[in-house]
Amino acid sequence: MNTPDVTVLIPAYNSEAYVGEAVDSCLGQQWDFPYEILVVDDGSTDYTARVASSRGHPVRVIRLKANGGLARAPNQGLTHARGQIILRLDADDRMLPGRATKQCRYMKEHPEVTISFGRAVYSNAPEVDWYRQFGIPHTEIPPGDSFAIVERPLDWLLLYQCFIPHSTVAMRRDEVSNLGGYDGTNGMAEDYDLWLRAAASGATFAWTAQKLAWIRRQGHGNIMHSPKAYALLPHALSKALSDEKVLSGASERALANARRRMCTASNALLRYRWAYHGRSAVHEELDTLDNALPWCLRLKWQILSMLPPALGRWARSLKHSVLVKASE
């Protein structure tokens, strides 16, 4: 059996309803290189592994004994992948036609590129432009469907947040592994943290305007502007803003923007922790984020956390009611 050049890495947890569609979208691609599909079942309690295994060769399934969070499964995938090029896909997403041929060929022809990616399309909002929703100017987006090198990727990641859709990424296994893989301490921002570390280390990024993946999304609105997302960013940004490679490699404008977003995200996180977990949880977060928070924000939450948490829940409920009424 030939050693595959490419591994499609699909971490999965309780995904029996969707993982078959994800795998089928890979099998339906035209492949110019030997490949495998590696599904890492992160301790599912349903039939995720059985559904994935039913597709047969070239699907491999690795079953982990217990759920270990968003970073463990992809890190195990990096360890067990046989391909040097890793195509990422979440278990509830799908590859769009033509992705495998185009992206794998580009990565083969451009060994200097560590990470490449493209647009994604939302399942419930196909009209949303993935890049534009992050504020990226239209003039900066590469024309046509060809790949182009991202100039100053570290600045872009600090200016425009995590604009790289995970399920469109192709990356080089060894280079990403040498960076330490995914860091599980950053919650759902494990991908953003990895891109920041890669960019700070001088990795070359390439992107295309072509849509490479269909992403399943429930509800409405921009997830990156939601309270949940803001609650996940502070630790990734705090880590980046204390990294000498980031501080020396990014522009002052990008760093200033990242610090502003850090304050906004931390404020949302602390508000949530106060409302639902109380004063001790706020103080735990303040200690964790100590180096990144301005003194005025720390003082604000040291004072506010002395108030009853029920007040925070009432304020959140009132705000939600006002927004719902305004949208009617």
C-alpha atoms as a PDB file:
ATOM      1  CA  MET A   1       0.000   0.000   0.000  1.00  0.00           C
ATOM      2  CA  ASN A   2       1.357   3.418  -0.962  1.00  0.00           C
ATOM      3  CA  THR A   3       2.068   5.871   1.832  1.00  0.00           C
ATOM      4  CA  PRO A   4      -0.442   8.712   1.425  1.00  0.00           C
ATOM      5  CA  ASP A   5       0.786  12.178   0.590  1.00  0.00           C
ATOM      6  CA  VAL A   6      -2.314  13.758   2.119  1.00  0.00           C
ATOM      7  CA  THR A   7      -4.319  13.109   5.293  1.00  0.00           C
ATOM      8  CA  VAL A   8      -7.798  14.541   5.714  1.00  0.00           C
ATOM      9  CA  LEU A   9      -8.039  15.002   9.489  1.00  0.00           C
ATOM     10  CA  ILE A  10     -11.569  14.911  10.940  1.00  0.00           C
ATOM     11  CA  PRO A  11     -11.825  15.141  14.742  1.00  0.00           C
ATOM     12  CA  ALA A  12     -15.272  13.988  15.872  1.00  0.00           C
ATOM     13  CA  TYR A  13     -17.311  13.831  19.050  1.00  0.00           C
ATOM     14  CA  ASN A  14     -20.889  12.486  19.114  1.00  0.00           C
ATOM     15  CA  SER A  15     -21.180  13.279  15.413  1.00  0.00           C
ATOM     16  CA  GLU A  16     -23.022  10.216  14.114  1.00  0.00           C
ATOM     17  CA  ALA A  17     -25.630  12.423  12.417  1.00  0.00           C
ATOM     18  CA  TYR A  18     -23.069  14.315  10.330  1.00  0.00           C
ATOM     19  CA  VAL A  19     -19.728  12.521  10.114  1.00  0.00           C
ATOM     20  CA  GLY A  20     -20.921  10.316   7.234  1.00  0.00           C
ATOM     21  CA  GLU A  21     -21.669  13.426   5.153  1.00  0.00           C
ATOM     22  CA  ALA A  22     -18.252  14.873   6.005  1.00  0.00           C
ATOM     23  CA  VAL A  23     -16.463  11.683   4.935  1.00  0.00           C
ATOM     24  CA  ASP A  24     -18.588  11.337   1.783  1.00  0.00           C
ATOM     25  CA  SER A  25     -17.707  14.906   0.762  1.00  0.00           C
ATOM     26  CA  CYS A  26     -14.040  13.849   0.865  1.00  0.00           C
ATOM     27  CA  LEU A  27     -14.578  10.594  -0.987  1.00  0.00           C
ATOM     28  CA  GLY A  28     -16.419  12.502  -3.707  1.00  0.00           C
ATOM     29  CA  GLN A  29     -13.385  14.684  -4.479  1.00  0.00           C
ATOM     30  CA  GLN A  30     -11.048  14.104  -7.398  1.00  0.00           C
ATOM     31  CA  TRP A  31      -7.683  13.141  -5.903  1.00  0.00           C
ATOM     32  CA  ASP A  32      -4.410  13.539  -7.796  1.00  0.00           C
ATOM     33  CA  PHE A  33      -2.313  12.211  -4.900  1.00  0.00           C
ATOM     34  CA  PRO A  34      -2.513   9.186  -2.573  1.00  0.00           C
ATOM     35  CA  TYR A  35      -4.624  10.120   0.438  1.00  0.00           C
ATOM     36  CA  GLU A  36      -6.267   8.850   3.593  1.00  0.00           C
ATOM     37  CA  ILE A  37      -9.180  10.075   5.708  1.00  0.00           C
ATOM     38  CA  LEU A  38      -8.373   9.944   9.410  1.00  0.00           C
ATOM     39  CA  VAL A  39     -11.342  10.266  11.772  1.00  0.00           C
ATOM     40  CA  VAL A  40     -10.335  10.735  15.411  1.00  0.00           C
ATOM     41  CA  ASP A  41     -13.288   9.801  17.619  1.00  0.00           C
ATOM     42  CA  ASP A  42     -12.784  11.756  20.833  1.00  0.00           C
ATOM     43  CA  GLY A  43     -14.619   9.455  23.247  1.00  0.00           C
ATOM     44  CA  SER A  44     -18.035   9.588  21.575  1.00  0.00           C
ATOM     45  CA  THR A  45     -20.943   7.885  23.312  1.00  0.00           C
ATOM     46  CA  ASP A  46     -22.873   7.393  20.054  1.00  0.00           C
ATOM     47  CA  TYR A  47     -22.102   5.544  16.798  1.00  0.00           C
ATOM     48  CA  THR A  48     -19.687   8.103  15.331  1.00  0.00           C
ATOM     49  CA  ALA A  49     -16.882   5.547  14.896  1.00  0.00           C
ATOM     50  CA  ARG A  50     -19.198   2.945  13.360  1.00  0.00           C
ATOM     51  CA  VAL A  51     -20.611   5.413  10.813  1.00  0.00           C
ATOM     52  CA  ALA A  52     -17.139   6.577   9.780  1.00  0.00           C
ATOM     53  CA  SER A  53     -15.733   3.032   9.583  1.00  0.00           C
ATOM     54  CA  SER A  54     -18.611   1.903   7.374  1.00  0.00           C
ATOM     55  CA  ARG A  55     -17.159   3.931   4.494  1.00  0.00           C
ATOM     56  CA  GLY A  56     -14.185   1.569   4.258  1.00  0.00           C
ATOM     57  CA  HIS A  57     -10.821   2.314   2.622  1.00  0.00           C
ATOM     58  CA  PRO A  58      -9.222   4.885   2.659  1.00  0.00           C
ATOM     59  CA  VAL A  59     -10.938   5.790   5.941  1.00  0.00           C
ATOM     60  CA  ARG A  60      -9.079   5.093   9.201  1.00  0.00           C
ATOM     61  CA  VAL A  61     -10.717   5.574  12.596  1.00  0.00           C
ATOM     62  CA  ILE A  62      -8.855   6.134  15.859  1.00  0.00           C
ATOM     63  CA  ARG A  63     -10.969   5.865  19.006  1.00  0.00           C
ATOM     64  CA  LEU A  64      -9.918   7.739  22.135  1.00  0.00           C
ATOM     65  CA  LYS A  65     -11.219   6.429  25.434  1.00  0.00           C
ATOM     66  CA  ALA A  66     -12.637   9.656  26.825  1.00  0.00           C
ATOM     67  CA  ASN A  67     -13.455  13.106  25.549  1.00  0.00           C
ATOM     68  CA  GLY A  68     -10.405  15.320  25.928  1.00  0.00           C
ATOM     69  CA  GLY A  69     -11.552  18.651  24.519  1.00  0.00           C
ATOM     70  CA  LEU A  70     -11.015  20.403  21.213  1.00  0.00           C
ATOM     71  CA  ALA A  71      -7.208  20.145  21.101  1.00  0.00           C
ATOM     72  CA  ARG A  72      -6.548  16.512  22.029  1.00  0.00           C
ATOM     73  CA  ALA A  73      -8.241  14.864  19.042  1.00  0.00           C
ATOM     74  CA  PRO A  74      -6.515  16.962  16.343  1.00  0.00           C
ATOM     75  CA  ASN A  75      -3.180  16.569  18.134  1.00  0.00           C
ATOM     76  CA  GLN A  76      -3.658  12.816  18.130  1.00  0.00           C
ATOM     77  CA  GLY A  77      -4.501  13.122  14.446  1.00  0.00           C
ATOM     78  CA  LEU A  78      -1.245  14.953  13.765  1.00  0.00           C
ATOM     79  CA  THR A  79       0.617  12.179  15.573  1.00  0.00           C
ATOM     80  CA  HIS A  80      -1.032   9.337  13.644  1.00  0.00           C
ATOM     81  CA  ALA A  81      -1.390  11.003  10.230  1.00  0.00           C
ATOM     82  CA  ARG A  82       0.667   9.376   7.488  1.00  0.00           C
ATOM     83  CA  GLY A  83       0.383  12.256   5.027  1.00  0.00           C
ATOM     84  CA  GLN A  84       2.747  15.221   5.107  1.00  0.00           C
ATOM     85  CA  ILE A  85      -0.066  17.542   4.021  1.00  0.00           C
ATOM     86  CA  ILE A  86      -3.019  17.772   6.415  1.00  0.00           C
ATOM     87  CA  LEU A  87      -6.430  18.912   5.192  1.00  0.00           C
ATOM     88  CA  ARG A  88      -8.620  19.902   8.121  1.00  0.00           C
ATOM     89  CA  LEU A  89     -12.365  19.292   8.199  1.00  0.00           C
ATOM     90  CA  ASP A  90     -14.764  19.361  11.140  1.00  0.00           C
ATOM     91  CA  ALA A  91     -17.075  16.368  11.502  1.00  0.00           C
ATOM     92  CA  ASP A  92     -20.232  18.393  10.808  1.00  0.00           C
ATOM     93  CA  ASP A  93     -18.833  20.290   7.791  1.00  0.00           C
ATOM     94  CA  ARG A  94     -18.263  19.303   4.170  1.00  0.00           C
ATOM     95  CA  MET A  95     -15.589  19.795   1.542  1.00  0.00           C
ATOM     96  CA  LEU A  96     -16.832  21.649  -1.509  1.00  0.00           C
ATOM     97  CA  PRO A  97     -16.139  20.165  -4.963  1.00  0.00           C
ATOM     98  CA  GLY A  98     -12.666  20.795  -6.370  1.00  0.00           C
ATOM     99  CA  ARG A  99     -10.984  21.586  -3.075  1.00  0.00           C
ATOM    100  CA  ALA A 100      -8.742  18.522  -2.825  1.00  0.00           C
ATOM    101  CA  THR A 101      -7.231  18.799  -6.296  1.00  0.00           C
ATOM    102  CA  LYS A 102      -6.642  22.528  -6.164  1.00  0.00           C
ATOM    103  CA  GLN A 103      -5.340  22.873  -2.613  1.00  0.00           C
ATOM    104  CA  CYS A 104      -3.168  19.754  -2.598  1.00  0.00           C
ATOM    105  CA  ARG A 105      -1.604  20.655  -5.932  1.00  0.00           C
ATOM    106  CA  TYR A 106      -0.845  24.163  -4.661  1.00  0.00           C
ATOM    107  CA  MET A 107       0.776  22.835  -1.478  1.00  0.00           C
ATOM    108  CA  LYS A 108       2.843  20.384  -3.525  1.00  0.00           C
ATOM    109  CA  GLU A 109       4.026  23.088  -5.912  1.00  0.00           C
ATOM    110  CA  HIS A 110       4.768  25.624  -3.147  1.00  0.00           C
ATOM    111  CA  PRO A 111       6.765  23.870  -0.396  1.00  0.00           C
ATOM    112  CA  GLU A 112       7.492  27.238   1.208  1.00  0.00           C
ATOM    113  CA  VAL A 113       3.823  27.584   2.239  1.00  0.00           C
ATOM    114  CA  THR A 114       2.997  26.159   5.667  1.00  0.00           C
ATOM    115  CA  ILE A 115      -0.739  26.939   5.812  1.00  0.00           C
ATOM    116  CA  SER A 116      -3.245  27.623   3.043  1.00  0.00           C
ATOM    117  CA  PHE A 117      -6.963  28.340   3.317  1.00  0.00           C
ATOM    118  CA  GLY A 118      -9.961  29.719   1.470  1.00  0.00           C
ATOM    119  CA  ARG A 119     -13.460  31.020   1.911  1.00  0.00           C
ATOM    120  CA  ALA A 120     -16.189  29.005   3.584  1.00  0.00           C
ATOM    121  CA  VAL A 121     -19.946  29.190   3.168  1.00  0.00           C
ATOM    122  CA  TYR A 122     -22.389  29.072   6.081  1.00  0.00           C
ATOM    123  CA  SER A 123     -25.114  26.435   5.919  1.00  0.00           C
ATOM    124  CA  ASN A 124     -27.805  28.885   7.065  1.00  0.00           C
ATOM    125  CA  ALA A 125     -26.457  32.095   5.514  1.00  0.00           C
ATOM    126  CA  PRO A 126     -24.819  31.336   2.151  1.00  0.00           C
ATOM    127  CA  GLU A 127     -24.996  34.993   1.176  1.00  0.00           C
ATOM    128  CA  VAL A 128     -22.525  36.036   3.911  1.00  0.00           C
ATOM    129  CA  ASP A 129     -19.047  36.802   2.558  1.00  0.00           C
ATOM    130  CA  TRP A 130     -16.646  35.031   4.905  1.00  0.00           C
ATOM    131  CA  TYR A 131     -13.776  37.489   4.613  1.00  0.00           C
ATOM    132  CA  ARG A 132     -15.821  40.668   4.499  1.00  0.00           C
ATOM    133  CA  GLN A 133     -17.651  39.802   7.755  1.00  0.00           C
ATOM    134  CA  PHE A 134     -14.325  40.278   9.543  1.00  0.00           C
ATOM    135  CA  GLY A 135     -13.848  43.716   8.023  1.00  0.00           C
ATOM    136  CA  ILE A 136     -11.207  42.727   5.478  1.00  0.00           C
ATOM    137  CA  PRO A 137     -11.253  45.324   2.666  1.00  0.00           C
ATOM    138  CA  HIS A 138     -12.458  43.999  -0.672  1.00  0.00           C
ATOM    139  CA  THR A 139      -9.330  45.314  -2.360  1.00  0.00           C
ATOM    140  CA  GLU A 140      -7.137  43.088  -0.167  1.00  0.00           C
ATOM    141  CA  ILE A 141      -8.898  39.818  -1.048  1.00  0.00           C
ATOM    142  CA  PRO A 142      -7.059  37.903  -3.799  1.00  0.00           C
ATOM    143  CA  PRO A 143      -8.864  38.107  -7.157  1.00  0.00           C
ATOM    144  CA  GLY A 144     -10.237  35.043  -8.919  1.00  0.00           C
ATOM    145  CA  ASP A 145      -9.790  31.533  -7.573  1.00  0.00           C
ATOM    146  CA  SER A 146      -6.001  31.368  -7.431  1.00  0.00           C
ATOM    147  CA  PHE A 147      -3.964  31.241  -4.216  1.00  0.00           C
ATOM    148  CA  ALA A 148      -1.881  34.230  -3.141  1.00  0.00           C
ATOM    149  CA  ILE A 149       0.615  34.731  -0.330  1.00  0.00           C
ATOM    150  CA  VAL A 150      -0.752  36.564   2.734  1.00  0.00           C
ATOM    151  CA  GLU A 151       1.549  39.505   3.371  1.00  0.00           C
ATOM    152  CA  ARG A 152       2.242  40.114   7.084  1.00  0.00           C
ATOM    153  CA  PRO A 153      -0.117  37.374   8.353  1.00  0.00           C
ATOM    154  CA  LEU A 154       0.609  38.210  11.994  1.00  0.00           C
ATOM    155  CA  ASP A 155      -0.694  41.744  11.531  1.00  0.00           C
ATOM    156  CA  TRP A 156      -3.765  40.447   9.733  1.00  0.00           C
ATOM    157  CA  LEU A 157      -4.584  37.987  12.513  1.00  0.00           C
ATOM    158  CA  LEU A 158      -4.272  40.709  15.131  1.00  0.00           C
ATOM    159  CA  LEU A 159      -6.261  43.220  13.071  1.00  0.00           C
ATOM    160  CA  TYR A 160      -9.059  40.999  11.749  1.00  0.00           C
ATOM    161  CA  GLN A 161      -9.324  38.242  14.371  1.00  0.00           C
ATOM    162  CA  CYS A 162      -9.519  34.583  13.339  1.00  0.00           C
ATOM    163  CA  PHE A 163     -10.546  35.081   9.729  1.00  0.00           C
ATOM    164  CA  ILE A 164      -9.161  31.670   8.722  1.00  0.00           C
ATOM    165  CA  PRO A 165     -11.988  29.093   8.480  1.00  0.00           C
ATOM    166  CA  HIS A 166     -10.634  25.953  10.094  1.00  0.00           C
ATOM    167  CA  SER A 167     -12.401  23.521   7.762  1.00  0.00           C
ATOM    168  CA  THR A 168     -10.652  25.033   4.718  1.00  0.00           C
ATOM    169  CA  VAL A 169      -7.093  24.752   6.063  1.00  0.00           C
ATOM    170  CA  ALA A 170      -4.274  22.718   4.545  1.00  0.00           C
ATOM    171  CA  MET A 171      -1.084  22.598   6.600  1.00  0.00           C
ATOM    172  CA  ARG A 172       2.234  20.800   6.753  1.00  0.00           C
ATOM    173  CA  ARG A 173       2.203  18.129   9.433  1.00  0.00           C
ATOM    174  CA  ASP A 174       5.786  18.368  10.626  1.00  0.00           C
ATOM    175  CA  GLU A 175       5.923  22.153  10.741  1.00  0.00           C
ATOM    176  CA  VAL A 176       2.704  22.399  12.757  1.00  0.00           C
ATOM    177  CA  SER A 177       3.834  19.600  15.070  1.00  0.00           C
ATOM    178  CA  ASN A 178       7.132  21.422  15.639  1.00  0.00           C
ATOM    179  CA  LEU A 179       5.108  24.418  16.825  1.00  0.00           C
ATOM    180  CA  GLY A 180       3.556  22.196  19.495  1.00  0.00           C
ATOM    181  CA  GLY A 181       0.291  21.525  17.691  1.00  0.00           C
ATOM    182  CA  TYR A 182      -2.942  22.781  19.220  1.00  0.00           C
ATOM    183  CA  ASP A 183      -3.009  24.261  22.718  1.00  0.00           C
ATOM    184  CA  GLY A 184      -6.002  22.970  24.678  1.00  0.00           C
ATOM    185  CA  THR A 185      -5.904  25.759  27.253  1.00  0.00           C
ATOM    186  CA  ASN A 186      -7.544  28.238  24.854  1.00  0.00           C
ATOM    187  CA  GLY A 187     -10.994  26.647  24.674  1.00  0.00           C
ATOM    188  CA  MET A 188     -12.624  27.117  21.285  1.00  0.00           C
ATOM    189  CA  ALA A 189      -9.846  29.515  20.238  1.00  0.00           C
ATOM    190  CA  GLU A 190      -7.371  26.654  19.790  1.00  0.00           C
ATOM    191  CA  ASP A 191      -7.157  27.305  16.048  1.00  0.00           C
ATOM    192  CA  TYR A 192      -6.635  31.067  16.451  1.00  0.00           C
ATOM    193  CA  ASP A 193      -3.851  30.397  18.933  1.00  0.00           C
ATOM    194  CA  LEU A 194      -2.142  28.045  16.471  1.00  0.00           C
ATOM    195  CA  TRP A 195      -2.352  30.523  13.580  1.00  0.00           C
ATOM    196  CA  LEU A 196      -0.899  33.277  15.786  1.00  0.00           C
ATOM    197  CA  ARG A 197       2.014  31.089  16.874  1.00  0.00           C
ATOM    198  CA  ALA A 198       2.673  29.983  13.301  1.00  0.00           C
ATOM    199  CA  ALA A 199       2.638  33.559  12.008  1.00  0.00           C
ATOM    200  CA  ALA A 200       4.881  34.766  14.833  1.00  0.00           C
ATOM    201  CA  SER A 201       7.352  31.998  13.963  1.00  0.00           C
ATOM    202  CA  GLY A 202       7.578  33.214  10.382  1.00  0.00           C
ATOM    203  CA  ALA A 203       5.357  30.616   8.695  1.00  0.00           C
ATOM    204  CA  THR A 204       4.116  31.461   5.205  1.00  0.00           C
ATOM    205  CA  PHE A 205       0.339  31.612   4.702  1.00  0.00           C
ATOM    206  CA  ALA A 206      -1.556  31.546   1.388  1.00  0.00           C
ATOM    207  CA  TRP A 207      -5.227  32.182   0.716  1.00  0.00           C
ATOM    208  CA  THR A 208      -7.822  32.106  -2.037  1.00  0.00           C
ATOM    209  CA  ALA A 209     -11.211  33.687  -2.622  1.00  0.00           C
ATOM    210  CA  GLN A 210     -12.597  30.315  -3.707  1.00  0.00           C
ATOM    211  CA  LYS A 211     -15.074  28.619  -1.377  1.00  0.00           C
ATOM    212  CA  LEU A 212     -13.484  25.411  -0.097  1.00  0.00           C
ATOM    213  CA  ALA A 213     -15.851  24.225   2.650  1.00  0.00           C
ATOM    214  CA  TRP A 214     -19.491  24.267   3.705  1.00  0.00           C
ATOM    215  CA  ILE A 215     -19.793  24.976   7.427  1.00  0.00           C
ATOM    216  CA  ARG A 216     -22.788  23.891   9.473  1.00  0.00           C
ATOM    217  CA  ARG A 217     -23.988  26.674  11.711  1.00  0.00           C
ATOM    218  CA  GLN A 218     -27.034  26.906  13.957  1.00  0.00           C
ATOM    219  CA  GLY A 219     -28.728  30.219  14.681  1.00  0.00           C
ATOM    220  CA  HIS A 220     -27.956  33.621  13.222  1.00  0.00           C
ATOM    221  CA  GLY A 221     -25.433  36.397  13.518  1.00  0.00           C
ATOM    222  CA  ASN A 222     -21.681  36.572  13.320  1.00  0.00           C
ATOM    223  CA  ILE A 223     -20.238  34.044  15.752  1.00  0.00           C
ATOM    224  CA  MET A 224     -17.063  36.088  16.146  1.00  0.00           C
ATOM    225  CA  HIS A 225     -19.136  38.985  17.510  1.00  0.00           C
ATOM    226  CA  SER A 226     -21.145  36.841  19.928  1.00  0.00           C
ATOM    227  CA  PRO A 227     -20.640  36.887  23.715  1.00  0.00           C
ATOM    228  CA  LYS A 228     -19.586  33.220  23.563  1.00  0.00           C
ATOM    229  CA  ALA A 229     -16.790  33.963  21.109  1.00  0.00           C
ATOM    230  CA  TYR A 230     -15.624  37.015  23.049  1.00  0.00           C
ATOM    231  CA  ALA A 231     -15.417  34.819  26.141  1.00  0.00           C
ATOM    232  CA  LEU A 232     -13.013  32.513  24.299  1.00  0.00           C
ATOM    233  CA  LEU A 233     -10.582  35.089  22.917  1.00  0.00           C
ATOM    234  CA  PRO A 234      -8.932  36.591  26.027  1.00  0.00           C
ATOM    235  CA  HIS A 235      -6.627  33.696  26.828  1.00  0.00           C
ATOM    236  CA  ALA A 236      -5.407  33.330  23.230  1.00  0.00           C
ATOM    237  CA  LEU A 237      -4.815  37.083  22.970  1.00  0.00           C
ATOM    238  CA  SER A 238      -3.214  37.264  26.405  1.00  0.00           C
ATOM    239  CA  LYS A 239      -0.790  34.532  25.387  1.00  0.00           C
ATOM    240  CA  ALA A 240       0.002  36.262  22.084  1.00  0.00           C
ATOM    241  CA  LEU A 241       0.510  39.679  23.649  1.00  0.00           C
ATOM    242  CA  SER A 242       3.053  38.249  26.088  1.00  0.00           C
ATOM    243  CA  ASP A 243       5.026  36.490  23.324  1.00  0.00           C
ATOM    244  CA  GLU A 244       8.214  38.309  22.376  1.00  0.00           C
ATOM    245  CA  LYS A 245       7.945  37.016  18.805  1.00  0.00           C
ATOM    246  CA  VAL A 246       4.522  38.644  18.483  1.00  0.00           C
ATOM    247  CA  LEU A 247       5.590  41.893  20.123  1.00  0.00           C
ATOM    248  CA  SER A 248       8.651  42.223  17.892  1.00  0.00           C
ATOM    249  CA  GLY A 249       7.034  40.944  14.697  1.00  0.00           C
ATOM    250  CA  ALA A 250       3.723  42.837  14.620  1.00  0.00           C
ATOM    251  CA  SER A 251       3.122  46.468  13.762  1.00  0.00           C
ATOM    252  CA  GLU A 252       2.120  48.972  16.444  1.00  0.00           C
ATOM    253  CA  ARG A 253      -1.276  49.365  14.767  1.00  0.00           C
ATOM    254  CA  ALA A 254      -1.936  45.629  14.920  1.00  0.00           C
ATOM    255  CA  LEU A 255      -0.799  45.380  18.534  1.00  0.00           C
ATOM    256  CA  ALA A 256      -2.960  48.343  19.559  1.00  0.00           C
ATOM    257  CA  ASN A 257      -5.971  46.764  17.869  1.00  0.00           C
ATOM    258  CA  ALA A 258      -5.297  43.436  19.599  1.00  0.00           C
ATOM    259  CA  ARG A 259      -5.092  45.151  22.983  1.00  0.00           C
ATOM    260  CA  ARG A 260      -8.444  46.876  22.371  1.00  0.00           C
ATOM    261  CA  ARG A 261     -10.037  43.560  21.430  1.00  0.00           C
ATOM    262  CA  MET A 262      -8.416  41.967  24.445  1.00  0.00           C
ATOM    263  CA  CYS A 263     -10.180  44.469  26.709  1.00  0.00           C
ATOM    264  CA  THR A 264     -13.536  43.983  24.961  1.00  0.00           C
ATOM    265  CA  ALA A 265     -13.262  40.203  25.082  1.00  0.00           C
ATOM    266  CA  SER A 266     -12.068  40.172  28.696  1.00  0.00           C
ATOM    267  CA  ASN A 267     -14.926  42.419  29.726  1.00  0.00           C
ATOM    268  CA  ALA A 268     -17.415  39.990  28.154  1.00  0.00           C
ATOM    269  CA  LEU A 269     -15.737  37.006  29.794  1.00  0.00           C
ATOM    270  CA  LEU A 270     -15.669  38.620  33.230  1.00  0.00           C
ATOM    271  CA  ARG A 271     -19.289  39.734  32.914  1.00  0.00           C
ATOM    272  CA  TYR A 272     -20.331  36.167  32.091  1.00  0.00           C
ATOM    273  CA  ARG A 273     -18.247  34.689  34.906  1.00  0.00           C
ATOM    274  CA  TRP A 274     -19.690  37.168  37.416  1.00  0.00           C
ATOM    275  CA  ALA A 275     -23.293  36.576  36.367  1.00  0.00           C
ATOM    276  CA  TYR A 276     -23.154  32.774  36.361  1.00  0.00           C
ATOM    277  CA  HIS A 277     -20.256  31.748  38.601  1.00  0.00           C
ATOM    278  CA  GLY A 278     -19.833  34.532  41.142  1.00  0.00           C
ATOM    279  CA  ARG A 279     -17.052  36.583  42.643  1.00  0.00           C
ATOM    280  CA  SER A 280     -14.466  33.808  43.066  1.00  0.00           C
ATOM    281  CA  ALA A 281     -14.663  32.946  39.354  1.00  0.00           C
ATOM    282  CA  VAL A 282     -14.046  36.601  38.437  1.00  0.00           C
ATOM    283  CA  HIS A 283     -10.971  36.706  40.660  1.00  0.00           C
ATOM    284  CA  GLU A 284      -9.659  33.486  39.103  1.00  0.00           C
ATOM    285  CA  GLU A 285      -9.921  35.044  35.637  1.00  0.00           C
ATOM    286  CA  LEU A 286      -8.325  38.275  36.826  1.00  0.00           C
ATOM    287  CA  ASP A 287      -5.359  36.318  38.134  1.00  0.00           C
ATOM    288  CA  THR A 288      -5.042  34.371  34.864  1.00  0.00           C
ATOM    289  CA  LEU A 289      -5.221  37.503  32.698  1.00  0.00           C
ATOM    290  CA  ASP A 290      -3.115  39.617  35.049  1.00  0.00           C
ATOM    291  CA  ASN A 291      -0.406  40.665  32.596  1.00  0.00           C
ATOM    292  CA  ALA A 292      -2.749  41.645  29.786  1.00  0.00           C
ATOM    293  CA  LEU A 293      -5.454  43.679  31.558  1.00  0.00           C
ATOM    294  CA  PRO A 294      -5.178  47.435  32.137  1.00  0.00           C
ATOM    295  CA  TRP A 295      -5.459  48.453  35.787  1.00  0.00           C
ATOM    296  CA  CYS A 296      -8.757  50.300  35.229  1.00  0.00           C
ATOM    297  CA  LEU A 297     -10.472  47.145  33.926  1.00  0.00           C
ATOM    298  CA  ARG A 298      -9.106  45.104  36.813  1.00  0.00           C
ATOM    299  CA  LEU A 299     -10.359  47.685  39.315  1.00  0.00           C
ATOM    300  CA  LYS A 300     -13.790  47.798  37.649  1.00  0.00           C
ATOM    301  CA  TRP A 301     -14.304  44.061  38.055  1.00  0.00           C
ATOM    302  CA  GLN A 302     -12.864  43.914  41.543  1.00  0.00           C
ATOM    303  CA  ILE A 303     -15.611  46.361  42.518  1.00  0.00           C
ATOM    304  CA  LEU A 304     -18.450  44.923  40.381  1.00  0.00           C
ATOM    305  CA  SER A 305     -17.796  41.381  41.542  1.00  0.00           C
ATOM    306  CA  MET A 306     -18.779  42.418  45.051  1.00  0.00           C
ATOM    307  CA  LEU A 307     -22.356  42.934  43.829  1.00  0.00           C
ATOM    308  CA  PRO A 308     -24.824  40.003  43.770  1.00  0.00           C
ATOM    309  CA  PRO A 309     -24.376  37.821  40.629  1.00  0.00           C
ATOM    310  CA  ALA A 310     -28.164  37.835  40.160  1.00  0.00           C
ATOM    311  CA  LEU A 311     -27.836  41.485  39.147  1.00  0.00           C
ATOM    312  CA  GLY A 312     -25.640  40.457  36.225  1.00  0.00           C
ATOM    313  CA  ARG A 313     -28.117  37.814  35.075  1.00  0.00           C
ATOM    314  CA  TRP A 314     -30.948  40.330  35.290  1.00  0.00           C
ATOM    315  CA  ALA A 315     -28.975  42.849  33.207  1.00  0.00           C
ATOM    316  CA  ARG A 316     -28.221  40.216  30.531  1.00  0.00           C
ATOM    317  CA  SER A 317     -31.893  39.195  30.414  1.00  0.00           C
ATOM    318  CA  LEU A 318     -33.021  42.810  30.115  1.00  0.00           C
ATOM    319  CA  LYS A 319     -30.549  43.491  27.305  1.00  0.00           C
ATOM    320  CA  HIS A 320     -31.745  40.397  25.434  1.00  0.00           C
ATOM    321  CA  SER A 321     -35.389  41.460  25.793  1.00  0.00           C
ATOM    322  CA  VAL A 322     -34.623  44.944  24.459  1.00  0.00           C
ATOM    323  CA  LEU A 323     -32.758  43.545  21.447  1.00  0.00           C
ATOM    324  CA  VAL A 324     -35.548  41.096  20.639  1.00  0.00           C
ATOM    325  CA  LYS A 325     -38.155  43.825  20.880  1.00  0.00           C
ATOM    326  CA  ALA A 326     -36.097  46.139  18.672  1.00  0.00           C
ATOM    327  CA  SER A 327     -35.829  43.466  15.987  1.00  0.00           C
ATOM    328  CA  GLU A 328     -39.592  42.879  15.820  1.00  0.00           C
END
